[in-house]
Full PDB file with SEQRES, HELIX, SHEET, SSBOND, CRYST1, ORIGX, SCALE, CONECT and MASTER records, all heavy atoms in Angstrom:
SEQRES   1 A   41  PHE GLN VAL ASP PHE ASP ALA TRP TYR GLU LYS TYR MET          
SEQRES   2 A   41  GLN LEU GLU GLY ASP GLU ARG LYS ASN PHE THR SER PRO          
SEQRES   3 A   41  LYS PRO ASP PRO GLU LEU VAL ARG LYS MET LEU ALA ASP          
SEQRES   4 A   41  SER ARG                                                      
HELIX    1 AA1 PHE A    5  GLN A   14  1                                  10    
HELIX    2 AA2 GLY A   17  ASN A   22  1                                   6    
HELIX    3 AA3 PRO A   30  LEU A   37  1                                   8    
CRYST1    1.000    1.000    1.000  90.00  90.00  90.00 P 1           1          
ORIGX1      1.000000  0.000000  0.000000        0.00000                         
ORIGX2      0.000000  1.000000  0.000000        0.00000                         
ORIGX3      0.000000  0.000000  1.000000        0.00000                         
SCALE1      1.000000  0.000000  0.000000        0.00000                         
SCALE2      0.000000  1.000000  0.000000        0.00000                         
SCALE3      0.000000  0.000000  1.000000        0.00000                         
ATOM      1  N   PHE A   1       4.175  -9.586   2.819  1.00  0.00           N  
ATOM      2  CA  PHE A   1       4.107  -8.143   3.073  1.00  0.00           C  
ATOM      3  C   PHE A   1       3.502  -7.511   1.826  1.00  0.00           C  
ATOM      4  O   PHE A   1       4.182  -7.334   0.816  1.00  0.00           O  
ATOM      5  CB  PHE A   1       5.514  -7.614   3.341  1.00  0.00           C  
ATOM      6  CG  PHE A   1       5.580  -6.185   3.811  1.00  0.00           C  
ATOM      7  CD1 PHE A   1       4.446  -5.474   4.149  1.00  0.00           C  
ATOM      8  CD2 PHE A   1       6.805  -5.546   3.929  1.00  0.00           C  
ATOM      9  CE1 PHE A   1       4.517  -4.167   4.588  1.00  0.00           C  
ATOM     10  CE2 PHE A   1       6.901  -4.237   4.363  1.00  0.00           C  
ATOM     11  CZ  PHE A   1       5.750  -3.552   4.697  1.00  0.00           C  
ATOM     12  N   GLN A   2       2.218  -7.165   1.887  1.00  0.00           N  
ATOM     13  CA  GLN A   2       1.517  -6.769   0.680  1.00  0.00           C  
ATOM     14  C   GLN A   2       0.335  -5.852   0.997  1.00  0.00           C  
ATOM     15  O   GLN A   2       0.072  -5.538   2.156  1.00  0.00           O  
ATOM     16  CB  GLN A   2       1.001  -8.011  -0.047  1.00  0.00           C  
ATOM     17  CG  GLN A   2       0.032  -8.829   0.804  1.00  0.00           C  
ATOM     18  CD  GLN A   2      -0.264 -10.193   0.214  1.00  0.00           C  
ATOM     19  OE1 GLN A   2       0.360 -10.637  -0.726  1.00  0.00           O  
ATOM     20  NE2 GLN A   2      -1.246 -10.885   0.788  1.00  0.00           N  
ATOM     21  N   VAL A   3      -0.375  -5.462  -0.051  1.00  0.00           N  
ATOM     22  CA  VAL A   3      -1.519  -4.567   0.092  1.00  0.00           C  
ATOM     23  C   VAL A   3      -2.731  -5.347   0.569  1.00  0.00           C  
ATOM     24  O   VAL A   3      -2.996  -6.455   0.102  1.00  0.00           O  
ATOM     25  CB  VAL A   3      -1.834  -3.871  -1.250  1.00  0.00           C  
ATOM     26  CG1 VAL A   3      -3.086  -3.003  -1.131  1.00  0.00           C  
ATOM     27  CG2 VAL A   3      -0.656  -3.032  -1.702  1.00  0.00           C  
ATOM     28  N   ASP A   4      -3.448  -4.755   1.506  1.00  0.00           N  
ATOM     29  CA  ASP A   4      -4.758  -5.279   1.885  1.00  0.00           C  
ATOM     30  C   ASP A   4      -5.739  -4.753   0.842  1.00  0.00           C  
ATOM     31  O   ASP A   4      -6.347  -3.698   1.002  1.00  0.00           O  
ATOM     32  CB  ASP A   4      -5.129  -4.799   3.290  1.00  0.00           C  
ATOM     33  CG  ASP A   4      -6.458  -5.371   3.768  1.00  0.00           C  
ATOM     34  OD1 ASP A   4      -7.132  -6.038   2.965  1.00  0.00           O  
ATOM     35  OD2 ASP A   4      -6.819  -5.135   4.928  1.00  0.00           O  
ATOM     36  N   PHE A   5      -5.873  -5.511  -0.240  1.00  0.00           N  
ATOM     37  CA  PHE A   5      -6.612  -5.004  -1.396  1.00  0.00           C  
ATOM     38  C   PHE A   5      -8.073  -4.725  -1.066  1.00  0.00           C  
ATOM     39  O   PHE A   5      -8.648  -3.743  -1.561  1.00  0.00           O  
ATOM     40  CB  PHE A   5      -6.538  -6.006  -2.556  1.00  0.00           C  
ATOM     41  CG  PHE A   5      -7.234  -5.525  -3.796  1.00  0.00           C  
ATOM     42  CD1 PHE A   5      -6.650  -4.574  -4.626  1.00  0.00           C  
ATOM     43  CD2 PHE A   5      -8.492  -6.008  -4.126  1.00  0.00           C  
ATOM     44  CE1 PHE A   5      -7.307  -4.118  -5.755  1.00  0.00           C  
ATOM     45  CE2 PHE A   5      -9.153  -5.565  -5.267  1.00  0.00           C  
ATOM     46  CZ  PHE A   5      -8.556  -4.614  -6.084  1.00  0.00           C  
ATOM     47  N   ASP A   6      -8.692  -5.553  -0.237  1.00  0.00           N  
ATOM     48  CA  ASP A   6     -10.104  -5.335   0.100  1.00  0.00           C  
ATOM     49  C   ASP A   6     -10.300  -3.989   0.784  1.00  0.00           C  
ATOM     50  O   ASP A   6     -11.220  -3.228   0.445  1.00  0.00           O  
ATOM     51  CB  ASP A   6     -10.611  -6.461   1.001  1.00  0.00           C  
ATOM     52  CG  ASP A   6     -10.699  -7.790   0.269  1.00  0.00           C  
ATOM     53  OD1 ASP A   6     -10.802  -7.758  -0.977  1.00  0.00           O  
ATOM     54  OD2 ASP A   6     -10.657  -8.839   0.920  1.00  0.00           O  
ATOM     55  N   ALA A   7      -9.434  -3.672   1.762  1.00  0.00           N  
ATOM     56  CA  ALA A   7      -9.546  -2.392   2.469  1.00  0.00           C  
ATOM     57  C   ALA A   7      -9.235  -1.224   1.534  1.00  0.00           C  
ATOM     58  O   ALA A   7      -9.902  -0.182   1.569  1.00  0.00           O  
ATOM     59  CB  ALA A   7      -8.600  -2.379   3.674  1.00  0.00           C  
ATOM     60  N   TRP A   8      -8.207  -1.425   0.698  1.00  0.00           N  
ATOM     61  CA  TRP A   8      -7.838  -0.347  -0.229  1.00  0.00           C  
ATOM     62  C   TRP A   8      -8.958  -0.090  -1.241  1.00  0.00           C  
ATOM     63  O   TRP A   8      -9.303   1.054  -1.529  1.00  0.00           O  
ATOM     64  CB  TRP A   8      -6.551  -0.723  -0.972  1.00  0.00           C  
ATOM     65  CG  TRP A   8      -6.108   0.321  -1.965  1.00  0.00           C  
ATOM     66  CD1 TRP A   8      -5.327   1.413  -1.700  1.00  0.00           C  
ATOM     67  CD2 TRP A   8      -6.435   0.383  -3.354  1.00  0.00           C  
ATOM     68  NE1 TRP A   8      -5.148   2.148  -2.847  1.00  0.00           N  
ATOM     69  CE2 TRP A   8      -5.816   1.547  -3.880  1.00  0.00           C  
ATOM     70  CE3 TRP A   8      -7.176  -0.410  -4.213  1.00  0.00           C  
ATOM     71  CZ2 TRP A   8      -5.923   1.910  -5.214  1.00  0.00           C  
ATOM     72  CZ3 TRP A   8      -7.292  -0.051  -5.540  1.00  0.00           C  
ATOM     73  CH2 TRP A   8      -6.673   1.096  -6.030  1.00  0.00           C  
ATOM     74  N   TYR A   9      -9.542  -1.140  -1.774  1.00  0.00           N  
ATOM     75  CA  TYR A   9     -10.596  -0.985  -2.779  1.00  0.00           C  
ATOM     76  C   TYR A   9     -11.852  -0.361  -2.170  1.00  0.00           C  
ATOM     77  O   TYR A   9     -12.534   0.449  -2.821  1.00  0.00           O  
ATOM     78  CB  TYR A   9     -10.940  -2.337  -3.392  1.00  0.00           C  
ATOM     79  CG  TYR A   9     -11.926  -2.261  -4.529  1.00  0.00           C  
ATOM     80  CD1 TYR A   9     -11.551  -1.732  -5.765  1.00  0.00           C  
ATOM     81  CD2 TYR A   9     -13.243  -2.692  -4.367  1.00  0.00           C  
ATOM     82  CE1 TYR A   9     -12.454  -1.648  -6.813  1.00  0.00           C  
ATOM     83  CE2 TYR A   9     -14.154  -2.602  -5.416  1.00  0.00           C  
ATOM     84  CZ  TYR A   9     -13.751  -2.077  -6.633  1.00  0.00           C  
ATOM     85  OH  TYR A   9     -14.653  -1.978  -7.655  1.00  0.00           O  
ATOM     86  N   GLU A  10     -12.143  -0.707  -0.935  1.00  0.00           N  
ATOM     87  CA  GLU A  10     -13.300  -0.102  -0.264  1.00  0.00           C  
ATOM     88  C   GLU A  10     -13.118   1.412  -0.135  1.00  0.00           C  
ATOM     89  O   GLU A  10     -14.050   2.180  -0.361  1.00  0.00           O  
ATOM     90  CB  GLU A  10     -13.475  -0.735   1.114  1.00  0.00           C  
ATOM     91  CG  GLU A  10     -14.674  -0.211   1.881  1.00  0.00           C  
ATOM     92  CD  GLU A  10     -14.832  -0.865   3.244  1.00  0.00           C  
ATOM     93  OE1 GLU A  10     -14.090  -1.825   3.523  1.00  0.00           O  
ATOM     94  OE2 GLU A  10     -15.693  -0.407   4.017  1.00  0.00           O  
ATOM     95  N   LYS A  11     -11.903   1.827   0.224  1.00  0.00           N  
ATOM     96  CA  LYS A  11     -11.611   3.259   0.317  1.00  0.00           C  
ATOM     97  C   LYS A  11     -11.633   3.905  -1.063  1.00  0.00           C  
ATOM     98  O   LYS A  11     -12.146   5.025  -1.237  1.00  0.00           O  
ATOM     99  CB  LYS A  11     -10.236   3.448   0.965  1.00  0.00           C  
ATOM    100  CG  LYS A  11      -9.788   4.900   1.076  1.00  0.00           C  
ATOM    101  CD  LYS A  11     -10.654   5.682   2.044  1.00  0.00           C  
ATOM    102  CE  LYS A  11     -10.108   7.090   2.251  1.00  0.00           C  
ATOM    103  NZ  LYS A  11     -10.956   7.884   3.164  1.00  0.00           N  
ATOM    104  N   TYR A  12     -11.101   3.193  -2.043  1.00  0.00           N  
ATOM    105  CA  TYR A  12     -11.055   3.713  -3.409  1.00  0.00           C  
ATOM    106  C   TYR A  12     -12.460   4.007  -3.935  1.00  0.00           C  
ATOM    107  O   TYR A  12     -12.695   5.029  -4.582  1.00  0.00           O  
ATOM    108  CB  TYR A  12     -10.344   2.693  -4.307  1.00  0.00           C  
ATOM    109  CG  TYR A  12     -10.344   3.032  -5.773  1.00  0.00           C  
ATOM    110  CD1 TYR A  12      -9.423   3.938  -6.307  1.00  0.00           C  
ATOM    111  CD2 TYR A  12     -11.264   2.440  -6.642  1.00  0.00           C  
ATOM    112  CE1 TYR A  12      -9.423   4.249  -7.657  1.00  0.00           C  
ATOM    113  CE2 TYR A  12     -11.275   2.728  -7.997  1.00  0.00           C  
ATOM    114  CZ  TYR A  12     -10.349   3.643  -8.494  1.00  0.00           C  
ATOM    115  OH  TYR A  12     -10.359   3.952  -9.841  1.00  0.00           O  
ATOM    116  N   MET A  13     -13.397   3.118  -3.650  1.00  0.00           N  
ATOM    117  CA  MET A  13     -14.759   3.298  -4.138  1.00  0.00           C  
ATOM    118  C   MET A  13     -15.473   4.452  -3.457  1.00  0.00           C  
ATOM    119  O   MET A  13     -16.485   4.958  -3.964  1.00  0.00           O  
ATOM    120  CB  MET A  13     -15.563   2.006  -3.944  1.00  0.00           C  
ATOM    121  CG  MET A  13     -15.067   0.836  -4.788  1.00  0.00           C  
ATOM    122  SD  MET A  13     -15.040   1.210  -6.566  1.00  0.00           S  
ATOM    123  CE  MET A  13     -16.793   1.407  -6.890  1.00  0.00           C  
ATOM    124  N   GLN A  14     -14.970   4.910  -2.336  1.00  0.00           N  
ATOM    125  CA  GLN A  14     -15.579   6.046  -1.644  1.00  0.00           C  
ATOM    126  C   GLN A  14     -15.121   7.388  -2.215  1.00  0.00           C  
ATOM    127  O   GLN A  14     -15.715   8.421  -1.918  1.00  0.00           O  
ATOM    128  CB  GLN A  14     -15.246   5.990  -0.153  1.00  0.00           C  
ATOM    129  CG  GLN A  14     -15.821   4.778   0.562  1.00  0.00           C  
ATOM    130  CD  GLN A  14     -15.331   4.670   1.990  1.00  0.00           C  
ATOM    131  OE1 GLN A  14     -14.562   5.514   2.479  1.00  0.00           O  
ATOM    132  NE2 GLN A  14     -15.772   3.625   2.695  1.00  0.00           N  
ATOM    133  N   LEU A  15     -14.057   7.356  -3.025  1.00  0.00           N  
ATOM    134  CA  LEU A  15     -13.506   8.590  -3.579  1.00  0.00           C  
ATOM    135  C   LEU A  15     -14.091   8.871  -4.953  1.00  0.00           C  
ATOM    136  O   LEU A  15     -14.634   7.987  -5.610  1.00  0.00           O  
ATOM    137  CB  LEU A  15     -11.971   8.482  -3.670  1.00  0.00           C  
ATOM    138  CG  LEU A  15     -11.236   8.160  -2.359  1.00  0.00           C  
ATOM    139  CD1 LEU A  15      -9.751   8.004  -2.625  1.00  0.00           C  
ATOM    140  CD2 LEU A  15     -11.484   9.250  -1.324  1.00  0.00           C  
ATOM    141  N   GLU A  16     -13.927  10.108  -5.383  1.00  0.00           N  
ATOM    142  CA  GLU A  16     -14.428  10.515  -6.696  1.00  0.00           C  
ATOM    143  C   GLU A  16     -13.422  11.458  -7.357  1.00  0.00           C  
ATOM    144  O   GLU A  16     -12.617  12.103  -6.687  1.00  0.00           O  
ATOM    145  CB  GLU A  16     -15.783  11.213  -6.562  1.00  0.00           C  
ATOM    146  CG  GLU A  16     -16.896  10.323  -6.033  1.00  0.00           C  
ATOM    147  CD  GLU A  16     -18.218  11.066  -5.929  1.00  0.00           C  
ATOM    148  OE1 GLU A  16     -18.232  12.296  -6.199  1.00  0.00           O  
ATOM    149  OE2 GLU A  16     -19.239  10.435  -5.564  1.00  0.00           O  
ATOM    150  N   GLY A  17     -13.518  11.536  -8.673  1.00  0.00           N  
ATOM    151  CA  GLY A  17     -12.739  12.515  -9.441  1.00  0.00           C  
ATOM    152  C   GLY A  17     -11.251  12.384  -9.258  1.00  0.00           C  
ATOM    153  O   GLY A  17     -10.673  11.289  -9.318  1.00  0.00           O  
ATOM    154  N   ASP A  18     -10.591  13.532  -9.021  1.00  0.00           N  
ATOM    155  CA  ASP A  18      -9.133  13.568  -8.892  1.00  0.00           C  
ATOM    156  C   ASP A  18      -8.641  12.772  -7.687  1.00  0.00           C  
ATOM    157  O   ASP A  18      -7.545  12.210  -7.713  1.00  0.00           O  
ATOM    158  CB  ASP A  18      -8.654  15.022  -8.793  1.00  0.00           C  
ATOM    159  CG  ASP A  18      -8.846  15.784 -10.098  1.00  0.00           C  
ATOM    160  OD1 ASP A  18      -8.964  15.113 -11.148  1.00  0.00           O  
ATOM    161  OD2 ASP A  18      -8.903  17.027 -10.064  1.00  0.00           O  
ATOM    162  N   GLU A  19      -9.449  12.743  -6.610  1.00  0.00           N  
ATOM    163  CA  GLU A  19      -9.032  11.983  -5.432  1.00  0.00           C  
ATOM    164  C   GLU A  19      -8.878  10.507  -5.778  1.00  0.00           C  
ATOM    165  O   GLU A  19      -7.909   9.864  -5.364  1.00  0.00           O  
ATOM    166  CB  GLU A  19     -10.063  12.144  -4.315  1.00  0.00           C  
ATOM    167  CG  GLU A  19      -9.993  13.481  -3.602  1.00  0.00           C  
ATOM    168  CD  GLU A  19     -10.932  13.529  -2.415  1.00  0.00           C  
ATOM    169  OE1 GLU A  19     -12.030  12.934  -2.503  1.00  0.00           O  
ATOM    170  OE2 GLU A  19     -10.566  14.148  -1.401  1.00  0.00           O  
ATOM    171  N   ARG A  20      -9.821   9.981  -6.533  1.00  0.00           N  
ATOM    172  CA  ARG A  20      -9.727   8.584  -6.933  1.00  0.00           C  
ATOM    173  C   ARG A  20      -8.545   8.356  -7.876  1.00  0.00           C  
ATOM    174  O   ARG A  20      -7.841   7.349  -7.781  1.00  0.00           O  
ATOM    175  CB  ARG A  20     -11.030   8.132  -7.601  1.00  0.00           C  
ATOM    176  CG  ARG A  20     -10.963   6.715  -8.133  1.00  0.00           C  
ATOM    177  CD  ARG A  20     -12.265   6.286  -8.770  1.00  0.00           C  
ATOM    178  NE  ARG A  20     -13.308   6.048  -7.784  1.00  0.00           N  
ATOM    179  CZ  ARG A  20     -14.474   5.469  -8.059  1.00  0.00           C  
ATOM    180  NH1 ARG A  20     -14.739   5.077  -9.312  1.00  0.00           N  
ATOM    181  NH2 ARG A  20     -15.380   5.279  -7.117  1.00  0.00           N  
ATOM    182  N   LYS A  21      -8.327   9.304  -8.780  1.00  0.00           N  
ATOM    183  CA  LYS A  21      -7.241   9.177  -9.748  1.00  0.00           C  
ATOM    184  C   LYS A  21      -5.883   9.152  -9.060  1.00  0.00           C  
ATOM    185  O   LYS A  21      -4.965   8.438  -9.482  1.00  0.00           O  
ATOM    186  CB  LYS A  21      -7.315  10.332 -10.753  1.00  0.00           C  
ATOM    187  CG  LYS A  21      -6.265  10.271 -11.841  1.00  0.00           C  
ATOM    188  CD  LYS A  21      -6.416  11.431 -12.805  1.00  0.00           C  
ATOM    189  CE  LYS A  21      -5.351  11.393 -13.899  1.00  0.00           C  
ATOM    190  NZ  LYS A  21      -5.484  12.539 -14.831  1.00  0.00           N  
ATOM    191  N   ASN A  22      -5.735   9.945  -8.000  1.00  0.00           N  
ATOM    192  CA  ASN A  22      -4.449  10.054  -7.303  1.00  0.00           C  
ATOM    193  C   ASN A  22      -4.299   9.047  -6.165  1.00  0.00           C  
ATOM    194  O   ASN A  22      -3.265   9.008  -5.512  1.00  0.00           O  
ATOM    195  CB  ASN A  22      -4.279  11.468  -6.749  1.00  0.00           C  
ATOM    196  CG  ASN A  22      -4.232  12.518  -7.852  1.00  0.00           C  
ATOM    197  OD1 ASN A  22      -3.703  12.267  -8.939  1.00  0.00           O  
ATOM    198  ND2 ASN A  22      -4.795  13.693  -7.589  1.00  0.00           N  
ATOM    199  N   PHE A  23      -5.344   8.272  -5.920  1.00  0.00           N  
ATOM    200  CA  PHE A  23      -5.307   7.314  -4.822  1.00  0.00           C  
ATOM    201  C   PHE A  23      -4.668   6.010  -5.310  1.00  0.00           C  
ATOM    202  O   PHE A  23      -5.336   5.091  -5.761  1.00  0.00           O  
ATOM    203  CB  PHE A  23      -6.723   7.068  -4.291  1.00  0.00           C  
ATOM    204  CG  PHE A  23      -6.768   6.223  -3.049  1.00  0.00           C  
ATOM    205  CD1 PHE A  23      -6.228   6.671  -1.858  1.00  0.00           C  
ATOM    206  CD2 PHE A  23      -7.356   4.959  -3.077  1.00  0.00           C  
ATOM    207  CE1 PHE A  23      -6.279   5.894  -0.717  1.00  0.00           C  
ATOM    208  CE2 PHE A  23      -7.408   4.171  -1.941  1.00  0.00           C  
ATOM    209  CZ  PHE A  23      -6.869   4.646  -0.755  1.00  0.00           C  
ATOM    210  N   THR A  24      -3.367   5.953  -5.250  1.00  0.00           N  
ATOM    211  CA  THR A  24      -2.630   4.793  -5.757  1.00  0.00           C  
ATOM    212  C   THR A  24      -2.427   3.755  -4.660  1.00  0.00           C  
ATOM    213  O   THR A  24      -2.459   4.063  -3.462  1.00  0.00           O  
ATOM    214  CB  THR A  24      -1.256   5.212  -6.303  1.00  0.00           C  
ATOM    215  OG1 THR A  24      -0.517   5.870  -5.251  1.00  0.00           O  
ATOM    216  CG2 THR A  24      -1.420   6.160  -7.480  1.00  0.00           C  
ATOM    217  N   SER A  25      -2.207   2.549  -5.081  1.00  0.00           N  
ATOM    218  CA  SER A  25      -1.988   1.452  -4.143  1.00  0.00           C  
ATOM    219  C   SER A  25      -0.597   1.571  -3.513  1.00  0.00           C  
ATOM    220  O   SER A  25       0.389   1.764  -4.230  1.00  0.00           O  
ATOM    221  CB  SER A  25      -2.117   0.119  -4.879  1.00  0.00           C  
ATOM    222  OG  SER A  25      -1.842  -0.948  -4.013  1.00  0.00           O  
ATOM    223  N   PRO A  26      -0.469   1.481  -2.193  1.00  0.00           N  
ATOM    224  CA  PRO A  26       0.841   1.614  -1.541  1.00  0.00           C  
ATOM    225  C   PRO A  26       1.718   0.394  -1.796  1.00  0.00           C  
ATOM    226  O   PRO A  26       1.226  -0.685  -2.157  1.00  0.00           O  
ATOM    227  CB  PRO A  26       0.494   1.742  -0.060  1.00  0.00           C  
ATOM    228  CG  PRO A  26      -0.799   1.001   0.074  1.00  0.00           C  
ATOM    229  CD  PRO A  26      -1.546   1.242  -1.213  1.00  0.00           C  
ATOM    230  N   LYS A  27       3.006   0.566  -1.586  1.00  0.00           N  
ATOM    231  CA  LYS A  27       3.968  -0.519  -1.742  1.00  0.00           C  
ATOM    232  C   LYS A  27       4.860  -0.588  -0.507  1.00  0.00           C  
ATOM    233  O   LYS A  27       5.059   0.423   0.176  1.00  0.00           O  
ATOM    234  CB  LYS A  27       4.830  -0.310  -2.996  1.00  0.00           C  
ATOM    235  CG  LYS A  27       4.042  -0.348  -4.310  1.00  0.00           C  
ATOM    236  CD  LYS A  27       4.960  -0.148  -5.495  1.00  0.00           C  
ATOM    237  CE  LYS A  27       4.184  -0.219  -6.812  1.00  0.00           C  
ATOM    238  NZ  LYS A  27       5.069  -0.045  -7.979  1.00  0.00           N  
ATOM    239  N   PRO A  28       5.397  -1.758  -0.203  1.00  0.00           N  
ATOM    240  CA  PRO A  28       6.299  -1.868   0.940  1.00  0.00           C  
ATOM    241  C   PRO A  28       7.488  -0.916   0.812  1.00  0.00           C  
ATOM    242  O   PRO A  28       8.084  -0.805  -0.255  1.00  0.00           O  
ATOM    243  CB  PRO A  28       6.759  -3.337   0.887  1.00  0.00           C  
ATOM    244  CG  PRO A  28       5.646  -4.051   0.183  1.00  0.00           C  
ATOM    245  CD  PRO A  28       5.130  -3.074  -0.833  1.00  0.00           C  
ATOM    246  N   ASP A  29       7.808  -0.249   1.910  1.00  0.00           N  
ATOM    247  CA  ASP A  29       8.922   0.693   1.932  1.00  0.00           C  
ATOM    248  C   ASP A  29      10.249  -0.066   1.755  1.00  0.00           C  
ATOM    249  O   ASP A  29      10.556  -0.975   2.540  1.00  0.00           O  
ATOM    250  CB  ASP A  29       8.921   1.443   3.266  1.00  0.00           C  
ATOM    251  CG  ASP A  29      10.075   2.425   3.375  1.00  0.00           C  
ATOM    252  OD1 ASP A  29      10.609   2.833   2.335  1.00  0.00           O  
ATOM    253  OD2 ASP A  29      10.446   2.772   4.512  1.00  0.00           O  
ATOM    254  N   PRO A  30      11.039   0.275   0.733  1.00  0.00           N  
ATOM    255  CA  PRO A  30      12.302  -0.449   0.500  1.00  0.00           C  
ATOM    256  C   PRO A  30      13.243  -0.436   1.698  1.00  0.00           C  
ATOM    257  O   PRO A  30      13.925  -1.441   1.963  1.00  0.00           O  
ATOM    258  CB  PRO A  30      12.917   0.293  -0.701  1.00  0.00           C  
ATOM    259  CG  PRO A  30      11.740   0.874  -1.419  1.00  0.00           C  
ATOM    260  CD  PRO A  30      10.776   1.253  -0.339  1.00  0.00           C  
ATOM    261  N   GLU A  31      13.295   0.677   2.428  1.00  0.00           N  
ATOM    262  CA  GLU A  31      14.193   0.741   3.586  1.00  0.00           C  
ATOM    263  C   GLU A  31      13.743  -0.248   4.663  1.00  0.00           C  
ATOM    264  O   GLU A  31      14.575  -0.920   5.288  1.00  0.00           O  
ATOM    265  CB  GLU A  31      14.218   2.164   4.149  1.00  0.00           C  
ATOM    266  CG  GLU A  31      14.918   3.171   3.246  1.00  0.00           C  
ATOM    267  CD  GLU A  31      16.368   2.785   2.973  1.00  0.00           C  
ATOM    268  OE1 GLU A  31      17.051   2.318   3.915  1.00  0.00           O  
ATOM    269  OE2 GLU A  31      16.822   2.923   1.824  1.00  0.00           O  
ATOM    270  N   LEU A  32      12.436  -0.332   4.886  1.00  0.00           N  
ATOM    271  CA  LEU A  32      11.919  -1.278   5.868  1.00  0.00           C  
ATOM    272  C   LEU A  32      12.179  -2.716   5.422  1.00  0.00           C  
ATOM    273  O   LEU A  32      12.561  -3.562   6.228  1.00  0.00           O  
ATOM    274  CB  LEU A  32      10.421  -1.050   6.074  1.00  0.00           C  
ATOM    275  CG  LEU A  32       9.706  -2.038   7.009  1.00  0.00           C  
ATOM    276  CD1 LEU A  32      10.324  -1.992   8.398  1.00  0.00           C  
ATOM    277  CD2 LEU A  32       8.210  -1.740   7.067  1.00  0.00           C  
ATOM    278  N   VAL A  33      11.990  -2.977   4.144  1.00  0.00           N  
ATOM    279  CA  VAL A  33      12.216  -4.333   3.628  1.00  0.00           C  
ATOM    280  C   VAL A  33      13.677  -4.732   3.814  1.00  0.00           C  
ATOM    281  O   VAL A  33      13.975  -5.872   4.184  1.00  0.00           O  
ATOM    282  CB  VAL A  33      11.811  -4.427   2.144  1.00  0.00           C  
ATOM    283  CG1 VAL A  33      12.181  -5.794   1.571  1.00  0.00           C  
ATOM    284  CG2 VAL A  33      10.318  -4.187   1.976  1.00  0.00           C  
ATOM    285  N   ARG A  34      14.590  -3.811   3.585  1.00  0.00           N  
ATOM    286  CA  ARG A  34      16.019  -4.127   3.756  1.00  0.00           C  
ATOM    287  C   ARG A  34      16.338  -4.462   5.214  1.00  0.00           C  
ATOM    288  O   ARG A  34      17.149  -5.348   5.501  1.00  0.00           O  
ATOM    289  CB  ARG A  34      16.868  -2.958   3.263  1.00  0.00           C  
ATOM    290  CG  ARG A  34      16.844  -2.782   1.745  1.00  0.00           C  
ATOM    291  CD  ARG A  34      17.842  -1.738   1.272  1.00  0.00           C  
ATOM    292  NE  ARG A  34      17.803  -1.611  -0.174  1.00  0.00           N  
ATOM    293  CZ  ARG A  34      17.067  -0.716  -0.827  1.00  0.00           C  
ATOM    294  NH1 ARG A  34      16.324   0.149  -0.137  1.00  0.00           N  
ATOM    295  NH2 ARG A  34      17.080  -0.666  -2.145  1.00  0.00           N  
ATOM    296  N   LYS A  35      15.704  -3.749   6.149  1.00  0.00           N  
ATOM    297  CA  LYS A  35      15.895  -4.064   7.564  1.00  0.00           C  
ATOM    298  C   LYS A  35      15.368  -5.466   7.880  1.00  0.00           C  
ATOM    299  O   LYS A  35      15.993  -6.228   8.623  1.00  0.00           O  
ATOM    300  CB  LYS A  35      15.175  -3.025   8.436  1.00  0.00           C  
ATOM    301  CG  LYS A  35      15.807  -1.654   8.444  1.00  0.00           C  
ATOM    302  CD  LYS A  35      15.033  -0.712   9.354  1.00  0.00           C  
ATOM    303  CE  LYS A  35      15.644   0.684   9.349  1.00  0.00           C  
ATOM    304  NZ  LYS A  35      14.878   1.622  10.218  1.00  0.00           N  
ATOM    305  N   MET A  36      14.235  -5.792   7.291  1.00  0.00           N  
ATOM    306  CA  MET A  36      13.655  -7.113   7.523  1.00  0.00           C  
ATOM    307  C   MET A  36      14.527  -8.209   6.925  1.00  0.00           C  
ATOM    308  O   MET A  36      14.696  -9.283   7.519  1.00  0.00           O  
ATOM    309  CB  MET A  36      12.244  -7.155   6.937  1.00  0.00           C  
ATOM    310  CG  MET A  36      11.280  -6.174   7.612  1.00  0.00           C  
ATOM    311  SD  MET A  36       9.736  -5.936   6.706  1.00  0.00           S  
ATOM    312  CE  MET A  36       8.915  -7.493   7.028  1.00  0.00           C  
ATOM    313  N   LEU A  37      15.092  -7.970   5.767  1.00  0.00           N  
ATOM    314  CA  LEU A  37      15.968  -8.952   5.130  1.00  0.00           C  
ATOM    315  C   LEU A  37      17.227  -9.202   5.947  1.00  0.00           C  
ATOM    316  O   LEU A  37      17.787 -10.301   5.936  1.00  0.00           O  
ATOM    317  CB  LEU A  37      16.344  -8.487   3.724  1.00  0.00           C  
ATOM    318  CG  LEU A  37      15.254  -8.549   2.657  1.00  0.00           C  
ATOM    319  CD1 LEU A  37      15.725  -7.851   1.385  1.00  0.00           C  
ATOM    320  CD2 LEU A  37      14.878  -9.985   2.357  1.00  0.00           C  
ATOM    321  N   ALA A  38      17.681  -8.168   6.655  1.00  0.00           N  
ATOM    322  CA  ALA A  38      18.898  -8.304   7.467  1.00  0.00           C  
ATOM    323  C   ALA A  38      18.642  -9.015   8.787  1.00  0.00           C  
ATOM    324  O   ALA A  38      19.584  -9.364   9.495  1.00  0.00           O  
ATOM    325  CB  ALA A  38      19.487  -6.917   7.734  1.00  0.00           C  
ATOM    326  N   ASP A  39      17.383  -9.253   9.123  1.00  0.00           N  
ATOM    327  CA  ASP A  39      17.027  -9.918  10.370  1.00  0.00           C  
ATOM    328  C   ASP A  39      17.463 -11.389  10.307  1.00  0.00           C  
ATOM    329  O   ASP A  39      17.238 -12.075   9.310  1.00  0.00           O  
ATOM    330  CB  ASP A  39      15.518  -9.830  10.599  1.00  0.00           C  
ATOM    331  CG  ASP A  39      15.120 -10.163  12.028  1.00  0.00           C  
ATOM    332  OD1 ASP A  39      15.437 -11.277  12.481  1.00  0.00           O  
ATOM    333  OD2 ASP A  39      14.490  -9.316  12.679  1.00  0.00           O  
ATOM    334  N   SER A  40      18.072 -11.856  11.380  1.00  0.00           N  
ATOM    335  CA  SER A  40      18.590 -13.234  11.408  1.00  0.00           C  
ATOM    336  C   SER A  40      17.478 -14.276  11.357  1.00  0.00           C  
ATOM    337  O   SER A  40      17.739 -15.448  11.067  1.00  0.00           O  
ATOM    338  CB  SER A  40      19.426 -13.447  12.677  1.00  0.00           C  
ATOM    339  OG  SER A  40      18.646 -13.224  13.836  1.00  0.00           O  
ATOM    340  N   ARG A  41      16.239 -13.877  11.633  1.00  0.00           N  
ATOM    341  CA  ARG A  41      15.124 -14.826  11.600  1.00  0.00           C  
ATOM    342  C   ARG A  41      14.655 -15.125  10.182  1.00  0.00           C  
ATOM    343  O   ARG A  41      13.894 -16.071   9.967  1.00  0.00           O  
ATOM    344  CB  ARG A  41      13.952 -14.272  12.423  1.00  0.00           C  
ATOM    345  CG  ARG A  41      14.224 -14.212  13.909  1.00  0.00           C  
ATOM    346  CD  ARG A  41      13.151 -13.459  14.658  1.00  0.00           C  
ATOM    347  NE  ARG A  41      13.188 -12.029  14.366  1.00  0.00           N  
ATOM    348  CZ  ARG A  41      12.447 -11.117  14.980  1.00  0.00           C  
ATOM    349  NH1 ARG A  41      11.589 -11.493  15.912  1.00  0.00           N  
ATOM    350  NH2 ARG A  41      12.547  -9.836  14.671  1.00  0.00           N  
TER     351      ARG A  41                                                      
MASTER        0    0    0    3    0    0    0    6  350    1    0    4          
END                                                                             
């Protein structure tokens, strides 16, 4: 469960200035991860 870096970087290169500066890489939502960890599978 991770970042699709190729897609993220492609979008990043399309931005400029402050938009690029504020365009941070997303991270897995902790609440969702906890639900997944509780799954019996």
